[in-house]
Amino acid sequence: MLKGIIIDNIVSTRKQESLLGSKFMEVEILENGQRTGKYLVAIDSVGAGIGETVLITTGSSARLALRNTATPTDAVIVGIVD
């Protein structure tokens, strides 16, 4: 799992059918509590907002966090850090 800060929303007017209704977020990865300058796009499964610190799962297990496990994804936001 990774920890990151949500930087912005990503708007996609056209996408693969199983991604319809998904909210995409640009996330800056944190390492040792510091910003890294590394970014990724993740599907938001928990309703996180810009500026929040989140937990992200990546790789083949990321799709298991979604209702439709056949959705093509490599990164999903699975938690908001309090």
C-alpha atoms as a PDB file:
ATOM      1  CA  MET A   1       0.000   0.000   0.000  1.00  0.00           C
ATOM      2  CA  LEU A   2       1.017   3.573  -0.623  1.00  0.00           C
ATOM      3  CA  LYS A   3       0.242   6.810   1.173  1.00  0.00           C
ATOM      4  CA  GLY A   4      -0.394  10.001  -0.766  1.00  0.00           C
ATOM      5  CA  ILE A   5      -2.061  13.403  -0.921  1.00  0.00           C
ATOM      6  CA  ILE A   6      -4.853  14.102  -3.395  1.00  0.00           C
ATOM      7  CA  ILE A   7      -3.779  16.913  -5.710  1.00  0.00           C
ATOM      8  CA  ASP A   8      -6.674  17.205  -8.165  1.00  0.00           C
ATOM      9  CA  ASN A   9      -9.617  15.572  -9.920  1.00  0.00           C
ATOM     10  CA  ILE A  10      -9.055  13.992 -13.309  1.00  0.00           C
ATOM     11  CA  VAL A  11     -11.917  14.467 -15.774  1.00  0.00           C
ATOM     12  CA  SER A  12     -12.407  11.891 -18.502  1.00  0.00           C
ATOM     13  CA  THR A  13     -15.392  12.296 -20.775  1.00  0.00           C
ATOM     14  CA  ARG A  14     -14.678   9.036 -22.614  1.00  0.00           C
ATOM     15  CA  LYS A  15     -13.599   5.855 -20.879  1.00  0.00           C
ATOM     16  CA  GLN A  16     -13.926   2.099 -20.928  1.00  0.00           C
ATOM     17  CA  GLU A  17     -17.499   1.071 -20.089  1.00  0.00           C
ATOM     18  CA  SER A  18     -16.748  -0.565 -16.711  1.00  0.00           C
ATOM     19  CA  LEU A  19     -15.123   2.718 -15.572  1.00  0.00           C
ATOM     20  CA  LEU A  20     -18.295   4.777 -16.083  1.00  0.00           C
ATOM     21  CA  GLY A  21     -19.241   6.483 -12.823  1.00  0.00           C
ATOM     22  CA  SER A  22     -15.723   6.151 -11.390  1.00  0.00           C
ATOM     23  CA  LYS A  23     -14.046   9.228  -9.931  1.00  0.00           C
ATOM     24  CA  PHE A  24     -10.381   9.622 -10.897  1.00  0.00           C
ATOM     25  CA  MET A  25      -7.942  11.506  -8.658  1.00  0.00           C
ATOM     26  CA  GLU A  26      -4.351  12.664  -9.152  1.00  0.00           C
ATOM     27  CA  VAL A  27      -2.323  11.657  -6.095  1.00  0.00           C
ATOM     28  CA  GLU A  28       1.197  12.686  -5.049  1.00  0.00           C
ATOM     29  CA  ILE A  29       2.976   9.795  -3.330  1.00  0.00           C
ATOM     30  CA  LEU A  30       4.399  10.300   0.177  1.00  0.00           C
ATOM     31  CA  GLU A  31       7.490   8.494   1.472  1.00  0.00           C
ATOM     32  CA  ASN A  32       8.549   8.895   5.111  1.00  0.00           C
ATOM     33  CA  GLY A  33       5.963  11.657   5.445  1.00  0.00           C
ATOM     34  CA  GLN A  34       7.564  13.708   2.664  1.00  0.00           C
ATOM     35  CA  ARG A  35       6.240  14.579  -0.785  1.00  0.00           C
ATOM     36  CA  THR A  36       8.182  12.787  -3.499  1.00  0.00           C
ATOM     37  CA  GLY A  37       7.194  14.586  -6.687  1.00  0.00           C
ATOM     38  CA  LYS A  38       5.875  11.229  -7.980  1.00  0.00           C
ATOM     39  CA  TYR A  39       2.255  11.148  -9.084  1.00  0.00           C
ATOM     40  CA  LEU A  40      -0.328   8.573 -10.070  1.00  0.00           C
ATOM     41  CA  VAL A  41      -3.968   8.482 -11.067  1.00  0.00           C
ATOM     42  CA  ALA A  42      -6.210   6.363  -8.855  1.00  0.00           C
ATOM     43  CA  ILE A  43      -9.900   5.498  -8.763  1.00  0.00           C
ATOM     44  CA  ASP A  44     -11.516   6.913  -5.621  1.00  0.00           C
ATOM     45  CA  SER A  45     -13.593   4.246  -3.862  1.00  0.00           C
ATOM     46  CA  VAL A  46     -14.083   6.137  -0.566  1.00  0.00           C
ATOM     47  CA  GLY A  47     -15.158   9.681  -1.482  1.00  0.00           C
ATOM     48  CA  ALA A  48     -11.881  11.450  -0.715  1.00  0.00           C
ATOM     49  CA  GLY A  49     -11.307  15.089  -1.590  1.00  0.00           C
ATOM     50  CA  ILE A  50      -8.494  17.377  -2.677  1.00  0.00           C
ATOM     51  CA  GLY A  51      -5.871  17.889   0.042  1.00  0.00           C
ATOM     52  CA  GLU A  52      -6.714  14.721   1.963  1.00  0.00           C
ATOM     53  CA  THR A  53      -4.108  12.103   2.817  1.00  0.00           C
ATOM     54  CA  VAL A  54      -5.166   8.712   1.486  1.00  0.00           C
ATOM     55  CA  LEU A  55      -4.148   5.063   1.328  1.00  0.00           C
ATOM     56  CA  ILE A  56      -3.800   3.537  -2.125  1.00  0.00           C
ATOM     57  CA  THR A  57      -3.595  -0.078  -3.157  1.00  0.00           C
ATOM     58  CA  THR A  58      -1.899  -0.859  -6.455  1.00  0.00           C
ATOM     59  CA  GLY A  59      -1.289  -3.737  -8.814  1.00  0.00           C
ATOM     60  CA  SER A  60      -3.607  -6.629  -9.551  1.00  0.00           C
ATOM     61  CA  SER A  61      -5.192  -6.478  -6.080  1.00  0.00           C
ATOM     62  CA  ALA A  62      -6.432  -2.912  -6.706  1.00  0.00           C
ATOM     63  CA  ARG A  63      -9.366  -4.141  -8.752  1.00  0.00           C
ATOM     64  CA  LEU A  64     -10.558  -6.240  -5.794  1.00  0.00           C
ATOM     65  CA  ALA A  65     -11.425  -2.995  -3.977  1.00  0.00           C
ATOM     66  CA  LEU A  66     -14.077  -2.201  -6.601  1.00  0.00           C
ATOM     67  CA  ARG A  67     -17.567  -3.655  -6.956  1.00  0.00           C
ATOM     68  CA  ASN A  68     -16.815  -4.854 -10.470  1.00  0.00           C
ATOM     69  CA  THR A  69     -13.597  -6.853 -10.088  1.00  0.00           C
ATOM     70  CA  ALA A  70     -13.228  -7.007 -13.875  1.00  0.00           C
ATOM     71  CA  THR A  71     -12.616  -3.232 -14.033  1.00  0.00           C
ATOM     72  CA  PRO A  72      -9.205  -2.471 -15.552  1.00  0.00           C
ATOM     73  CA  THR A  73      -7.318  -0.527 -12.887  1.00  0.00           C
ATOM     74  CA  ASP A  74      -3.884  -0.382 -11.333  1.00  0.00           C
ATOM     75  CA  ALA A  75      -4.519   2.002  -8.412  1.00  0.00           C
ATOM     76  CA  VAL A  76      -7.508   2.481  -6.078  1.00  0.00           C
ATOM     77  CA  ILE A  77      -7.908   4.814  -3.100  1.00  0.00           C
ATOM     78  CA  VAL A  78      -9.085   2.550  -0.269  1.00  0.00           C
ATOM     79  CA  GLY A  79      -8.812   4.769   2.816  1.00  0.00           C
ATOM     80  CA  ILE A  80      -8.630   8.316   4.144  1.00  0.00           C
ATOM     81  CA  VAL A  81      -6.015   8.954   6.841  1.00  0.00           C
ATOM     82  CA  ASP A  82      -7.425  10.774   9.891  1.00  0.00           C
END
